[in-house]
PDB file of N, CA and C in Angstrom:
ATOM      1  N   MET A   1     -11.058  -7.322  13.298  1.00  0.00           N
ATOM      2  CA  MET A   1      -9.962  -6.668  13.377  1.00  0.00           C
ATOM      3  C   MET A   1      -9.384  -6.736  12.072  1.00  0.00           C
ATOM      4  N   LYS A   2      -9.342  -4.951  12.062  1.00  0.00           N
ATOM      5  CA  LYS A   2      -9.569  -4.245  10.535  1.00  0.00           C
ATOM      6  C   LYS A   2      -7.689  -3.992  10.023  1.00  0.00           C
ATOM      7  N   TYR A   3      -7.018  -4.449   8.872  1.00  0.00           N
ATOM      8  CA  TYR A   3      -5.817  -3.637   9.356  1.00  0.00           C
ATOM      9  C   TYR A   3      -5.647  -3.117   7.222  1.00  0.00           C
ATOM     10  N   GLU A   4      -4.805  -2.161   7.668  1.00  0.00           N
ATOM     11  CA  GLU A   4      -4.306  -0.908   6.716  1.00  0.00           C
ATOM     12  C   GLU A   4      -2.747  -1.088   6.501  1.00  0.00           C
ATOM     13  N   VAL A   5      -2.788  -0.238   4.981  1.00  0.00           N
ATOM     14  CA  VAL A   5      -2.307  -0.040   4.369  1.00  0.00           C
ATOM     15  C   VAL A   5      -1.268   0.671   4.365  1.00  0.00           C
ATOM     16  N   LEU A   6       0.008   1.765   4.544  1.00  0.00           N
ATOM     17  CA  LEU A   6       0.688   2.375   5.219  1.00  0.00           C
ATOM     18  C   LEU A   6       1.921   2.892   4.120  1.00  0.00           C
ATOM     19  N   THR A   7       1.346   4.198   4.040  1.00  0.00           N
ATOM     20  CA  THR A   7       2.795   3.764   2.940  1.00  0.00           C
ATOM     21  C   THR A   7       3.842   5.153   3.860  1.00  0.00           C
ATOM     22  N   LEU A   8       5.108   4.864   3.548  1.00  0.00           N
ATOM     23  CA  LEU A   8       6.194   5.999   3.694  1.00  0.00           C
ATOM     24  C   LEU A   8       6.006   7.091   2.910  1.00  0.00           C
ATOM     25  N   THR A   9       5.819   8.371   3.566  1.00  0.00           N
ATOM     26  CA  THR A   9       5.908   9.409   2.663  1.00  0.00           C
ATOM     27  C   THR A   9       6.892   9.922   2.881  1.00  0.00           C
ATOM     28  N   TYR A  10       7.151  11.574   2.261  1.00  0.00           N
ATOM     29  CA  TYR A  10       8.023  12.029   2.062  1.00  0.00           C
ATOM     30  C   TYR A  10       8.946  12.377   2.816  1.00  0.00           C
ATOM     31  N   LEU A  11       8.206  12.532   3.992  1.00  0.00           N
ATOM     32  CA  LEU A  11       8.334  13.023   6.034  1.00  0.00           C
ATOM     33  C   LEU A  11       8.639  12.155   6.351  1.00  0.00           C
ATOM     34  N   ASN A  12       8.832  11.346   6.061  1.00  0.00           N
ATOM     35  CA  ASN A  12       9.545   9.826   6.310  1.00  0.00           C
ATOM     36  C   ASN A  12       7.638   9.785   7.733  1.00  0.00           C
ATOM     37  N   GLN A  13       6.507  10.149   7.578  1.00  0.00           N
ATOM     38  CA  GLN A  13       6.223   9.337   7.883  1.00  0.00           C
ATOM     39  C   GLN A  13       5.364   8.530   8.097  1.00  0.00           C
ATOM     40  N   TRP A  14       4.651   7.365   7.948  1.00  0.00           N
ATOM     41  CA  TRP A  14       3.536   6.003   7.677  1.00  0.00           C
ATOM     42  C   TRP A  14       2.332   6.897   7.396  1.00  0.00           C
ATOM     43  N   GLN A  15       1.547   6.810   6.538  1.00  0.00           N
ATOM     44  CA  GLN A  15       0.322   7.030   6.672  1.00  0.00           C
ATOM     45  C   GLN A  15      -0.538   6.564   5.241  1.00  0.00           C
ATOM     46  N   ASN A  16      -1.423   6.313   5.947  1.00  0.00           N
ATOM     47  CA  ASN A  16      -2.945   5.256   4.580  1.00  0.00           C
ATOM     48  C   ASN A  16      -3.008   6.677   4.160  1.00  0.00           C
ATOM     49  N   THR A  17      -2.653   6.119   2.530  1.00  0.00           N
ATOM     50  CA  THR A  17      -3.067   6.793   1.750  1.00  0.00           C
ATOM     51  C   THR A  17      -3.961   6.219   0.722  1.00  0.00           C
ATOM     52  N   TRP A  18      -4.741   4.446   0.343  1.00  0.00           N
ATOM     53  CA  TRP A  18      -4.991   3.634   0.245  1.00  0.00           C
ATOM     54  C   TRP A  18      -6.243   4.077  -0.554  1.00  0.00           C
ATOM     55  N   THR A  19      -6.506   4.523  -1.080  1.00  0.00           N
ATOM     56  CA  THR A  19      -8.166   4.862  -1.858  1.00  0.00           C
ATOM     57  C   THR A  19      -8.776   3.931  -2.585  1.00  0.00           C
ATOM     58  N   ASP A  20      -9.948   4.179  -2.843  1.00  0.00           N
ATOM     59  CA  ASP A  20     -10.811   2.816  -3.812  1.00  0.00           C
ATOM     60  C   ASP A  20     -11.489   4.074  -4.261  1.00  0.00           C
ATOM     61  N   ASP A  21     -11.332   5.805  -4.586  1.00  0.00           N
ATOM     62  CA  ASP A  21     -12.015   6.964  -4.983  1.00  0.00           C
ATOM     63  C   ASP A  21     -11.280   7.713  -5.197  1.00  0.00           C
ATOM     64  N   GLY A  22     -10.165   7.624  -4.425  1.00  0.00           N
ATOM     65  CA  GLY A  22      -9.420   9.391  -4.789  1.00  0.00           C
ATOM     66  C   GLY A  22      -9.661   9.819  -2.968  1.00  0.00           C
ATOM     67  N   ASN A  23     -10.760   9.565  -2.458  1.00  0.00           N
ATOM     68  CA  ASN A  23     -11.300  10.703  -1.256  1.00  0.00           C
ATOM     69  C   ASN A  23     -11.806   9.454  -0.040  1.00  0.00           C
ATOM     70  N   THR A  24     -12.028   8.027  -0.293  1.00  0.00           N
ATOM     71  CA  THR A  24     -11.951   6.986   0.769  1.00  0.00           C
ATOM     72  C   THR A  24     -11.148   5.920   1.375  1.00  0.00           C
ATOM     73  N   LEU A  25     -10.484   6.090   2.555  1.00  0.00           N
ATOM     74  CA  LEU A  25      -9.528   5.231   2.606  1.00  0.00           C
ATOM     75  C   LEU A  25     -10.201   4.352   3.141  1.00  0.00           C
ATOM     76  N   VAL A  26      -9.381   3.472   2.213  1.00  0.00           N
ATOM     77  CA  VAL A  26      -9.605   2.063   2.366  1.00  0.00           C
ATOM     78  C   VAL A  26      -8.852   1.083   3.913  1.00  0.00           C
ATOM     79  N   THR A  27      -9.683   0.426   4.457  1.00  0.00           N
ATOM     80  CA  THR A  27      -9.700  -1.070   5.572  1.00  0.00           C
ATOM     81  C   THR A  27      -9.792  -2.077   4.982  1.00  0.00           C
ATOM     82  N   PHE A  28      -8.986  -2.882   5.635  1.00  0.00           N
ATOM     83  CA  PHE A  28      -8.910  -4.660   4.876  1.00  0.00           C
ATOM     84  C   PHE A  28      -9.685  -5.141   5.918  1.00  0.00           C
ATOM     85  N   ASP A  29     -10.818  -6.199   6.503  1.00  0.00           N
ATOM     86  CA  ASP A  29     -11.455  -7.256   7.375  1.00  0.00           C
ATOM     87  C   ASP A  29     -10.603  -8.318   7.858  1.00  0.00           C
ATOM     88  N   SER A  30      -9.498  -8.415   6.637  1.00  0.00           N
ATOM     89  CA  SER A  30      -8.651  -9.438   7.471  1.00  0.00           C
ATOM     90  C   SER A  30      -6.929  -9.055   7.260  1.00  0.00           C
ATOM     91  N   LEU A  31      -5.998  -9.969   7.631  1.00  0.00           N
ATOM     92  CA  LEU A  31      -4.770  -9.214   7.313  1.00  0.00           C
ATOM     93  C   LEU A  31      -4.281  -9.843   6.311  1.00  0.00           C
ATOM     94  N   GLU A  32      -4.815 -10.703   5.241  1.00  0.00           N
ATOM     95  CA  GLU A  32      -4.554 -12.007   4.499  1.00  0.00           C
ATOM     96  C   GLU A  32      -5.174 -11.346   2.748  1.00  0.00           C
ATOM     97  N   ALA A  33      -6.482 -10.060   3.225  1.00  0.00           N
ATOM     98  CA  ALA A  33      -6.947  -9.547   2.483  1.00  0.00           C
ATOM     99  C   ALA A  33      -5.900  -7.958   2.410  1.00  0.00           C
ATOM    100  N   ALA A  34      -6.049  -7.655   2.865  1.00  0.00           N
ATOM    101  CA  ALA A  34      -4.394  -6.815   3.262  1.00  0.00           C
ATOM    102  C   ALA A  34      -2.844  -7.274   2.420  1.00  0.00           C
ATOM    103  N   GLN A  35      -2.329  -8.140   2.654  1.00  0.00           N
ATOM    104  CA  GLN A  35      -1.190  -8.433   2.042  1.00  0.00           C
ATOM    105  C   GLN A  35      -1.807  -9.197   0.698  1.00  0.00           C
ATOM    106  N   ALA A  36      -2.636  -9.889   0.158  1.00  0.00           N
ATOM    107  CA  ALA A  36      -3.233  -9.390  -0.895  1.00  0.00           C
ATOM    108  C   ALA A  36      -2.753  -8.601  -1.997  1.00  0.00           C
ATOM    109  N   GLU A  37      -4.121  -7.493  -1.885  1.00  0.00           N
ATOM    110  CA  GLU A  37      -4.219  -6.180  -2.485  1.00  0.00           C
ATOM    111  C   GLU A  37      -2.469  -5.857  -2.256  1.00  0.00           C
ATOM    112  N   LEU A  38      -1.318  -5.717  -1.410  1.00  0.00           N
ATOM    113  CA  LEU A  38      -0.521  -4.970  -1.187  1.00  0.00           C
ATOM    114  C   LEU A  38       0.474  -5.931  -2.243  1.00  0.00           C
ATOM    115  N   LYS A  39       0.307  -6.790  -2.321  1.00  0.00           N
ATOM    116  CA  LYS A  39       1.425  -7.474  -3.021  1.00  0.00           C
ATOM    117  C   LYS A  39       0.922  -7.551  -4.027  1.00  0.00           C
ATOM    118  N   GLY A  40      -0.204  -7.532  -4.782  1.00  0.00           N
ATOM    119  CA  GLY A  40      -0.334  -6.894  -6.224  1.00  0.00           C
ATOM    120  C   GLY A  40      -0.402  -6.234  -6.707  1.00  0.00           C
ATOM    121  N   TYR A  41      -0.140  -4.819  -5.691  1.00  0.00           N
ATOM    122  CA  TYR A  41       0.242  -3.780  -6.199  1.00  0.00           C
ATOM    123  C   TYR A  41       1.832  -3.599  -5.885  1.00  0.00           C
ATOM    124  N   LEU A  42       2.567  -4.319  -5.526  1.00  0.00           N
ATOM    125  CA  LEU A  42       4.363  -4.262  -5.498  1.00  0.00           C
ATOM    126  C   LEU A  42       3.887  -4.827  -6.959  1.00  0.00           C
ATOM    127  N   GLU A  43       3.614  -5.973  -6.925  1.00  0.00           N
ATOM    128  CA  GLU A  43       3.709  -6.853  -8.396  1.00  0.00           C
ATOM    129  C   GLU A  43       3.299  -5.549  -9.722  1.00  0.00           C
ATOM    130  N   ASP A  44       2.298  -4.881  -9.595  1.00  0.00           N
ATOM    131  CA  ASP A  44       2.671  -3.654 -10.444  1.00  0.00           C
ATOM    132  C   ASP A  44       3.391  -2.683 -10.817  1.00  0.00           C
ATOM    133  N   LEU A  45       3.896  -2.206  -9.075  1.00  0.00           N
ATOM    134  CA  LEU A  45       4.831  -1.351  -9.488  1.00  0.00           C
ATOM    135  C   LEU A  45       6.157  -1.568 -10.563  1.00  0.00           C
ATOM    136  N   ALA A  46       6.696  -3.664  -9.716  1.00  0.00           N
ATOM    137  CA  ALA A  46       7.835  -4.055 -10.646  1.00  0.00           C
ATOM    138  C   ALA A  46       7.396  -4.319 -12.211  1.00  0.00           C
ATOM    139  N   HIS A  47       6.546  -4.622 -12.629  1.00  0.00           N
ATOM    140  CA  HIS A  47       6.069  -4.432 -13.884  1.00  0.00           C
ATOM    141  C   HIS A  47       6.342  -3.192 -14.654  1.00  0.00           C
ATOM    142  N   PHE A  48       5.605  -2.077 -14.369  1.00  0.00           N
ATOM    143  CA  PHE A  48       5.597  -0.515 -14.839  1.00  0.00           C
ATOM    144  C   PHE A  48       6.912  -0.558 -14.855  1.00  0.00           C
ATOM    145  N   VAL A  49       8.051  -0.627 -13.674  1.00  0.00           N
ATOM    146  CA  VAL A  49       9.814   0.110 -13.839  1.00  0.00           C
ATOM    147  C   VAL A  49      10.529  -1.380 -14.916  1.00  0.00           C
ATOM    148  N   LYS A  50       9.733  -2.290 -14.850  1.00  0.00           N
ATOM    149  CA  LYS A  50      10.096  -3.196 -16.291  1.00  0.00           C
ATOM    150  C   LYS A  50      10.226  -3.055 -17.576  1.00  0.00           C
ATOM    151  N   THR A  51       8.998  -2.247 -17.529  1.00  0.00           N
ATOM    152  CA  THR A  51       8.802  -1.928 -18.439  1.00  0.00           C
ATOM    153  C   THR A  51       8.802  -0.015 -19.162  1.00  0.00           C
ATOM    154  N   GLY A  52      10.100   0.109 -18.083  1.00  0.00           N
ATOM    155  CA  GLY A  52      10.124   1.958 -18.190  1.00  0.00           C
ATOM    156  C   GLY A  52       8.495   2.908 -18.184  1.00  0.00           C
ATOM    157  N   ASN A  53       7.931   3.016 -17.711  1.00  0.00           N
ATOM    158  CA  ASN A  53       6.836   3.366 -17.382  1.00  0.00           C
ATOM    159  C   ASN A  53       6.788   4.232 -15.886  1.00  0.00           C
ATOM    160  N   LEU A  54       8.128   3.356 -15.380  1.00  0.00           N
ATOM    161  CA  LEU A  54       8.227   3.839 -13.341  1.00  0.00           C
ATOM    162  C   LEU A  54       9.739   4.158 -13.732  1.00  0.00           C
ATOM    163  N   SER A  55       9.836   4.651 -12.954  1.00  0.00           N
ATOM    164  CA  SER A  55      11.398   4.577 -13.295  1.00  0.00           C
ATOM    165  C   SER A  55      12.308   4.261 -11.500  1.00  0.00           C
ATOM    166  N   ASP A  56      11.149   3.653 -10.654  1.00  0.00           N
ATOM    167  CA  ASP A  56      12.013   2.996  -9.262  1.00  0.00           C
ATOM    168  C   ASP A  56      10.808   3.211  -8.390  1.00  0.00           C
ATOM    169  N   TYR A  57      10.710   2.379  -7.447  1.00  0.00           N
ATOM    170  CA  TYR A  57       9.992   1.856  -6.139  1.00  0.00           C
ATOM    171  C   TYR A  57      10.714   1.214  -5.139  1.00  0.00           C
ATOM    172  N   ASN A  58      10.192   1.577  -4.693  1.00  0.00           N
ATOM    173  CA  ASN A  58      10.813   0.315  -2.701  1.00  0.00           C
ATOM    174  C   ASN A  58       9.975  -0.323  -2.424  1.00  0.00           C
ATOM    175  N   PRO A  59       9.824  -1.095  -2.187  1.00  0.00           N
ATOM    176  CA  PRO A  59       8.368  -2.139  -1.224  1.00  0.00           C
ATOM    177  C   PRO A  59       8.922  -2.288   0.325  1.00  0.00           C
ATOM    178  N   GLU A  60       9.812  -1.359   0.633  1.00  0.00           N
ATOM    179  CA  GLU A  60       9.921  -1.119   2.170  1.00  0.00           C
ATOM    180  C   GLU A  60       9.193   0.340   2.699  1.00  0.00           C
ATOM    181  N   ASP A  61       8.934   0.535   1.763  1.00  0.00           N
ATOM    182  CA  ASP A  61       7.656   1.784   1.505  1.00  0.00           C
ATOM    183  C   ASP A  61       6.392   1.926   2.080  1.00  0.00           C
ATOM    184  N   TYR A  62       6.510   0.280   2.283  1.00  0.00           N
ATOM    185  CA  TYR A  62       4.850   0.500   2.189  1.00  0.00           C
ATOM    186  C   TYR A  62       4.413  -1.029   3.376  1.00  0.00           C
ATOM    187  N   LYS A  63       3.859  -1.223   4.525  1.00  0.00           N
ATOM    188  CA  LYS A  63       4.152  -1.828   5.681  1.00  0.00           C
ATOM    189  C   LYS A  63       1.986  -1.509   5.999  1.00  0.00           C
ATOM    190  N   ILE A  64       1.943  -3.564   6.403  1.00  0.00           N
ATOM    191  CA  ILE A  64       0.478  -3.063   7.063  1.00  0.00           C
ATOM    192  C   ILE A  64       0.287  -3.560   8.192  1.00  0.00           C
ATOM    193  N   THR A  65      -0.593  -3.045   8.653  1.00  0.00           N
ATOM    194  CA  THR A  65      -0.972  -2.399  10.306  1.00  0.00           C
ATOM    195  C   THR A  65      -2.038  -2.929  10.962  1.00  0.00           C
ATOM    196  N   GLU A  66      -2.556  -3.355  11.741  1.00  0.00           N
ATOM    197  CA  GLU A  66      -3.295  -3.093  12.516  1.00  0.00           C
ATOM    198  C   GLU A  66      -3.931  -2.015  12.433  1.00  0.00           C
ATOM    199  N   VAL A  67      -6.044  -1.309  11.967  1.00  0.00           N
ATOM    200  CA  VAL A  67      -5.976  -0.866  12.661  1.00  0.00           C
ATOM    201  C   VAL A  67      -6.467  -0.663  14.301  1.00  0.00           C
ATOM    202  N   ILE A  68      -6.376   0.545  15.010  1.00  0.00           N
ATOM    203  CA  ILE A  68      -6.452   0.639  16.157  1.00  0.00           C
ATOM    204  C   ILE A  68      -7.380   1.602  16.371  1.00  0.00           C
ATOM    205  N   ALA A  69      -8.482   1.582  17.178  1.00  0.00           N
ATOM    206  CA  ALA A  69     -10.514   1.943  17.047  1.00  0.00           C
ATOM    207  C   ALA A  69      -9.548   3.356  18.196  1.00  0.00           C
TER     208      ALA A  69
END
């Protein structure tokens, strides 16, 4: 199974916007790999908020789903 991280867009739609080079969408080979990547990303966002480099973020704007072929 493959998994993807979805982001809630400003149009209130869930979309995979996770890319490795700005163009290629990323999927993960396991749920654990997707969870680890998202966890690290959210930790980075929290750090940026704490240091004043980002005004705010909402962890609920991200979720992991199984890719359905």
